[in-house]
Amino acid sequence: MKTLTKQDMLDYVTGATILGCGGGGGAEGGIRMINEAFDGGYEFKLADLSELPDDDILCIV
């Protein structure tokens, strides 16, 4: 499992903005949410399904 940095998350927003060029809005909302989450002490983790217990509840994005 990898803990994602703020820069990792901002890079994901950049990639999603490029790949979603047909719609979905601008990057500003995503950047704002990332800043708010990190300012609030939240962290993001990237995990392979094999690393998680069978009874975990997941949100797949």
PDB file of N, CA and C in Angstrom:
ATOM      1  N   MET A   1       0.857  -1.166   0.000  1.00  0.00           N
ATOM      2  CA  MET A   1       0.000   0.000   0.000  1.00  0.00           C
ATOM      3  C   MET A   1       0.905   1.231   0.000  1.00  0.00           C
ATOM      4  N   LYS A   2       0.543   2.202  -0.801  1.00  0.00           N
ATOM      5  CA  LYS A   2       1.332   3.422  -0.915  1.00  0.00           C
ATOM      6  C   LYS A   2       0.494   4.608  -0.455  1.00  0.00           C
ATOM      7  N   THR A   3       1.057   5.419   0.428  1.00  0.00           N
ATOM      8  CA  THR A   3       0.423   6.672   0.807  1.00  0.00           C
ATOM      9  C   THR A   3       0.773   7.699  -0.257  1.00  0.00           C
ATOM     10  N   LEU A   4      -0.257   8.321  -0.810  1.00  0.00           N
ATOM     11  CA  LEU A   4      -0.050   9.281  -1.886  1.00  0.00           C
ATOM     12  C   LEU A   4       0.251  10.663  -1.321  1.00  0.00           C
ATOM     13  N   THR A   5       1.198  11.339  -1.947  1.00  0.00           N
ATOM     14  CA  THR A   5       1.538  12.699  -1.541  1.00  0.00           C
ATOM     15  C   THR A   5       0.561  13.682  -2.178  1.00  0.00           C
ATOM     16  N   LYS A   6       0.613  14.897  -1.706  1.00  0.00           N
ATOM     17  CA  LYS A   6      -0.213  15.943  -2.309  1.00  0.00           C
ATOM     18  C   LYS A   6       0.158  16.105  -3.783  1.00  0.00           C
ATOM     19  N   GLN A   7       1.457  16.033  -4.094  1.00  0.00           N
ATOM     20  CA  GLN A   7       1.878  16.157  -5.488  1.00  0.00           C
ATOM     21  C   GLN A   7       1.350  15.003  -6.330  1.00  0.00           C
ATOM     22  N   ASP A   8       1.345  13.785  -5.771  1.00  0.00           N
ATOM     23  CA  ASP A   8       0.749  12.643  -6.486  1.00  0.00           C
ATOM     24  C   ASP A   8      -0.696  12.957  -6.862  1.00  0.00           C
ATOM     25  N   MET A   9      -1.453  13.457  -5.890  1.00  0.00           N
ATOM     26  CA  MET A   9      -2.868  13.729  -6.131  1.00  0.00           C
ATOM     27  C   MET A   9      -3.058  14.842  -7.161  1.00  0.00           C
ATOM     28  N   LEU A  10      -2.235  15.878  -7.088  1.00  0.00           N
ATOM     29  CA  LEU A  10      -2.323  16.952  -8.077  1.00  0.00           C
ATOM     30  C   LEU A  10      -1.973  16.436  -9.468  1.00  0.00           C
ATOM     31  N   ASP A  11      -1.013  15.520  -9.546  1.00  0.00           N
ATOM     32  CA  ASP A  11      -0.662  14.905 -10.830  1.00  0.00           C
ATOM     33  C   ASP A  11      -1.833  14.097 -11.381  1.00  0.00           C
ATOM     34  N   TYR A  12      -2.564  13.398 -10.512  1.00  0.00           N
ATOM     35  CA  TYR A  12      -3.744  12.646 -10.962  1.00  0.00           C
ATOM     36  C   TYR A  12      -4.805  13.592 -11.523  1.00  0.00           C
ATOM     37  N   VAL A  13      -4.985  14.744 -10.885  1.00  0.00           N
ATOM     38  CA  VAL A  13      -5.950  15.719 -11.395  1.00  0.00           C
ATOM     39  C   VAL A  13      -5.520  16.207 -12.777  1.00  0.00           C
ATOM     40  N   THR A  14      -4.232  16.469 -12.942  1.00  0.00           N
ATOM     41  CA  THR A  14      -3.731  16.902 -14.249  1.00  0.00           C
ATOM     42  C   THR A  14      -4.008  15.840 -15.301  1.00  0.00           C
ATOM     43  N   GLY A  15      -3.703  14.588 -14.991  1.00  0.00           N
ATOM     44  CA  GLY A  15      -3.950  13.497 -15.936  1.00  0.00           C
ATOM     45  C   GLY A  15      -5.421  13.334 -16.252  1.00  0.00           C
ATOM     46  N   ALA A  16      -6.263  13.428 -15.231  1.00  0.00           N
ATOM     47  CA  ALA A  16      -7.702  13.289 -15.451  1.00  0.00           C
ATOM     48  C   ALA A  16      -8.243  14.438 -16.293  1.00  0.00           C
ATOM     49  N   THR A  17      -7.675  15.622 -16.111  1.00  0.00           N
ATOM     50  CA  THR A  17      -8.099  16.776 -16.899  1.00  0.00           C
ATOM     51  C   THR A  17      -7.752  16.573 -18.370  1.00  0.00           C
ATOM     52  N   ILE A  18      -6.557  16.051 -18.625  1.00  0.00           N
ATOM     53  CA  ILE A  18      -6.137  15.791 -20.006  1.00  0.00           C
ATOM     54  C   ILE A  18      -6.990  14.688 -20.622  1.00  0.00           C
ATOM     55  N   LEU A  19      -7.150  13.582 -19.904  1.00  0.00           N
ATOM     56  CA  LEU A  19      -7.910  12.453 -20.445  1.00  0.00           C
ATOM     57  C   LEU A  19      -9.403  12.746 -20.536  1.00  0.00           C
ATOM     58  N   GLY A  20      -9.889  13.650 -19.713  1.00  0.00           N
ATOM     59  CA  GLY A  20     -11.310  13.979 -19.715  1.00  0.00           C
ATOM     60  C   GLY A  20     -11.616  15.229 -20.520  1.00  0.00           C
ATOM     61  N   CYS A  21     -10.833  15.488 -21.551  1.00  0.00           N
ATOM     62  CA  CYS A  21     -10.973  16.746 -22.299  1.00  0.00           C
ATOM     63  C   CYS A  21     -12.322  16.877 -22.997  1.00  0.00           C
ATOM     64  N   GLY A  22     -13.104  15.809 -23.048  1.00  0.00           N
ATOM     65  CA  GLY A  22     -14.412  15.893 -23.682  1.00  0.00           C
ATOM     66  C   GLY A  22     -15.504  16.358 -22.741  1.00  0.00           C
ATOM     67  N   GLY A  23     -15.175  16.599 -21.489  1.00  0.00           N
ATOM     68  CA  GLY A  23     -16.175  17.046 -20.521  1.00  0.00           C
ATOM     69  C   GLY A  23     -15.733  16.717 -19.113  1.00  0.00           C
ATOM     70  N   GLY A  24     -16.533  17.060 -18.159  1.00  0.00           N
ATOM     71  CA  GLY A  24     -16.202  16.755 -16.777  1.00  0.00           C
ATOM     72  C   GLY A  24     -15.745  17.955 -15.974  1.00  0.00           C
ATOM     73  N   GLY A  25     -15.576  19.086 -16.625  1.00  0.00           N
ATOM     74  CA  GLY A  25     -15.200  20.293 -15.900  1.00  0.00           C
ATOM     75  C   GLY A  25     -13.703  20.485 -15.811  1.00  0.00           C
ATOM     76  N   GLY A  26     -13.329  21.601 -15.236  1.00  0.00           N
ATOM     77  CA  GLY A  26     -11.925  21.957 -15.101  1.00  0.00           C
ATOM     78  C   GLY A  26     -11.282  21.332 -13.880  1.00  0.00           C
ATOM     79  N   ALA A  27      -9.998  21.591 -13.742  1.00  0.00           N
ATOM     80  CA  ALA A  27      -9.216  21.018 -12.646  1.00  0.00           C
ATOM     81  C   ALA A  27      -9.405  21.764 -11.326  1.00  0.00           C
ATOM     82  N   GLU A  28      -9.951  22.953 -11.376  1.00  0.00           N
ATOM     83  CA  GLU A  28     -10.008  23.802 -10.180  1.00  0.00           C
ATOM     84  C   GLU A  28     -10.733  23.141  -9.014  1.00  0.00           C
ATOM     85  N   GLY A  29     -11.849  22.487  -9.294  1.00  0.00           N
ATOM     86  CA  GLY A  29     -12.605  21.831  -8.220  1.00  0.00           C
ATOM     87  C   GLY A  29     -11.824  20.707  -7.572  1.00  0.00           C
ATOM     88  N   GLY A  30     -11.152  19.907  -8.380  1.00  0.00           N
ATOM     89  CA  GLY A  30     -10.332  18.819  -7.849  1.00  0.00           C
ATOM     90  C   GLY A  30      -9.171  19.331  -7.026  1.00  0.00           C
ATOM     91  N   ILE A  31      -8.523  20.379  -7.511  1.00  0.00           N
ATOM     92  CA  ILE A  31      -7.399  20.970  -6.778  1.00  0.00           C
ATOM     93  C   ILE A  31      -7.875  21.519  -5.440  1.00  0.00           C
ATOM     94  N   ARG A  32      -9.024  22.184  -5.439  1.00  0.00           N
ATOM     95  CA  ARG A  32      -9.577  22.727  -4.188  1.00  0.00           C
ATOM     96  C   ARG A  32      -9.858  21.610  -3.189  1.00  0.00           C
ATOM     97  N   MET A  33     -10.481  20.511  -3.665  1.00  0.00           N
ATOM     98  CA  MET A  33     -10.798  19.395  -2.762  1.00  0.00           C
ATOM     99  C   MET A  33      -9.535  18.740  -2.215  1.00  0.00           C
ATOM    100  N   ILE A  34      -8.508  18.610  -3.042  1.00  0.00           N
ATOM    101  CA  ILE A  34      -7.244  18.033  -2.577  1.00  0.00           C
ATOM    102  C   ILE A  34      -6.628  18.929  -1.507  1.00  0.00           C
ATOM    103  N   ASN A  35      -6.585  20.228  -1.754  1.00  0.00           N
ATOM    104  CA  ASN A  35      -6.031  21.153  -0.759  1.00  0.00           C
ATOM    105  C   ASN A  35      -6.804  21.081   0.550  1.00  0.00           C
ATOM    106  N   GLU A  36      -8.128  21.054   0.475  1.00  0.00           N
ATOM    107  CA  GLU A  36      -8.949  20.970   1.689  1.00  0.00           C
ATOM    108  C   GLU A  36      -8.701  19.664   2.433  1.00  0.00           C
ATOM    109  N   ALA A  37      -8.578  18.568   1.702  1.00  0.00           N
ATOM    110  CA  ALA A  37      -8.355  17.270   2.345  1.00  0.00           C
ATOM    111  C   ALA A  37      -7.009  17.241   3.058  1.00  0.00           C
ATOM    112  N   PHE A  38      -5.958  17.685   2.391  1.00  0.00           N
ATOM    113  CA  PHE A  38      -4.640  17.675   3.024  1.00  0.00           C
ATOM    114  C   PHE A  38      -4.570  18.678   4.169  1.00  0.00           C
ATOM    115  N   ASP A  39      -5.194  19.841   4.013  1.00  0.00           N
ATOM    116  CA  ASP A  39      -5.237  20.821   5.108  1.00  0.00           C
ATOM    117  C   ASP A  39      -5.996  20.268   6.308  1.00  0.00           C
ATOM    118  N   GLY A  40      -6.969  19.388   6.066  1.00  0.00           N
ATOM    119  CA  GLY A  40      -7.749  18.775   7.138  1.00  0.00           C
ATOM    120  C   GLY A  40      -7.098  17.542   7.747  1.00  0.00           C
ATOM    121  N   GLY A  41      -5.906  17.193   7.271  1.00  0.00           N
ATOM    122  CA  GLY A  41      -5.185  16.065   7.850  1.00  0.00           C
ATOM    123  C   GLY A  41      -5.519  14.714   7.245  1.00  0.00           C
ATOM    124  N   TYR A  42      -6.298  14.700   6.174  1.00  0.00           N
ATOM    125  CA  TYR A  42      -6.638  13.438   5.520  1.00  0.00           C
ATOM    126  C   TYR A  42      -5.472  12.960   4.669  1.00  0.00           C
ATOM    127  N   GLU A  43      -5.447  11.655   4.411  1.00  0.00           N
ATOM    128  CA  GLU A  43      -4.443  11.111   3.508  1.00  0.00           C
ATOM    129  C   GLU A  43      -5.115  10.145   2.541  1.00  0.00           C
ATOM    130  N   PHE A  44      -4.453   9.928   1.441  1.00  0.00           N
ATOM    131  CA  PHE A  44      -4.956   9.052   0.393  1.00  0.00           C
ATOM    132  C   PHE A  44      -3.995   7.890   0.239  1.00  0.00           C
ATOM    133  N   LYS A  45      -4.551   6.701   0.051  1.00  0.00           N
ATOM    134  CA  LYS A  45      -3.729   5.506  -0.109  1.00  0.00           C
ATOM    135  C   LYS A  45      -4.124   4.781  -1.379  1.00  0.00           C
ATOM    136  N   LEU A  46      -3.129   4.212  -2.020  1.00  0.00           N
ATOM    137  CA  LEU A  46      -3.326   3.417  -3.217  1.00  0.00           C
ATOM    138  C   LEU A  46      -2.957   1.988  -2.853  1.00  0.00           C
ATOM    139  N   ALA A  47      -3.890   1.066  -3.042  1.00  0.00           N
ATOM    140  CA  ALA A  47      -3.669  -0.317  -2.625  1.00  0.00           C
ATOM    141  C   ALA A  47      -4.064  -1.280  -3.727  1.00  0.00           C
ATOM    142  N   ASP A  48      -3.375  -2.388  -3.766  1.00  0.00           N
ATOM    143  CA  ASP A  48      -3.774  -3.498  -4.620  1.00  0.00           C
ATOM    144  C   ASP A  48      -4.851  -4.281  -3.866  1.00  0.00           C
ATOM    145  N   LEU A  49      -5.820  -4.806  -4.581  1.00  0.00           N
ATOM    146  CA  LEU A  49      -6.897  -5.553  -3.917  1.00  0.00           C
ATOM    147  C   LEU A  49      -6.370  -6.700  -3.068  1.00  0.00           C
ATOM    148  N   SER A  50      -5.259  -7.291  -3.460  1.00  0.00           N
ATOM    149  CA  SER A  50      -4.703  -8.413  -2.696  1.00  0.00           C
ATOM    150  C   SER A  50      -4.204  -7.982  -1.318  1.00  0.00           C
ATOM    151  N   GLU A  51      -4.024  -6.686  -1.097  1.00  0.00           N
ATOM    152  CA  GLU A  51      -3.547  -6.177   0.188  1.00  0.00           C
ATOM    153  C   GLU A  51      -4.677  -5.955   1.196  1.00  0.00           C
ATOM    154  N   LEU A  52      -5.915  -6.070   0.756  1.00  0.00           N
ATOM    155  CA  LEU A  52      -7.051  -5.728   1.604  1.00  0.00           C
ATOM    156  C   LEU A  52      -7.789  -6.970   2.082  1.00  0.00           C
ATOM    157  N   PRO A  53      -8.333  -6.910   3.307  1.00  0.00           N
ATOM    158  CA  PRO A  53      -9.138  -8.026   3.797  1.00  0.00           C
ATOM    159  C   PRO A  53     -10.389  -8.213   2.935  1.00  0.00           C
ATOM    160  N   ASP A  54     -10.880  -9.431   2.891  1.00  0.00           N
ATOM    161  CA  ASP A  54     -12.055  -9.747   2.075  1.00  0.00           C
ATOM    162  C   ASP A  54     -13.306  -8.990   2.509  1.00  0.00           C
ATOM    163  N   ASP A  55     -13.388  -8.565   3.784  1.00  0.00           N
ATOM    164  CA  ASP A  55     -14.593  -7.896   4.271  1.00  0.00           C
ATOM    165  C   ASP A  55     -14.455  -6.369   4.322  1.00  0.00           C
ATOM    166  N   ASP A  56     -13.411  -5.818   3.712  1.00  0.00           N
ATOM    167  CA  ASP A  56     -13.262  -4.364   3.653  1.00  0.00           C
ATOM    168  C   ASP A  56     -14.341  -3.742   2.769  1.00  0.00           C
ATOM    169  N   ILE A  57     -14.704  -2.518   3.083  1.00  0.00           N
ATOM    170  CA  ILE A  57     -15.626  -1.742   2.257  1.00  0.00           C
ATOM    171  C   ILE A  57     -14.783  -0.769   1.445  1.00  0.00           C
ATOM    172  N   LEU A  58     -15.009  -0.747   0.134  1.00  0.00           N
ATOM    173  CA  LEU A  58     -14.154   0.028  -0.757  1.00  0.00           C
ATOM    174  C   LEU A  58     -14.927   1.066  -1.539  1.00  0.00           C
ATOM    175  N   CYS A  59     -14.214   2.098  -1.925  1.00  0.00           N
ATOM    176  CA  CYS A  59     -14.716   3.078  -2.889  1.00  0.00           C
ATOM    177  C   CYS A  59     -13.725   3.074  -4.040  1.00  0.00           C
ATOM    178  N   ILE A  60     -14.159   2.608  -5.186  1.00  0.00           N
ATOM    179  CA  ILE A  60     -13.279   2.522  -6.347  1.00  0.00           C
ATOM    180  C   ILE A  60     -13.589   3.688  -7.262  1.00  0.00           C
ATOM    181  N   VAL A  61     -12.556   4.451  -7.580  1.00  0.00           N
ATOM    182  CA  VAL A  61     -12.725   5.638  -8.418  1.00  0.00           C
ATOM    183  C   VAL A  61     -12.028   5.405  -9.739  1.00  0.00           C
TER     184      VAL A  61
END
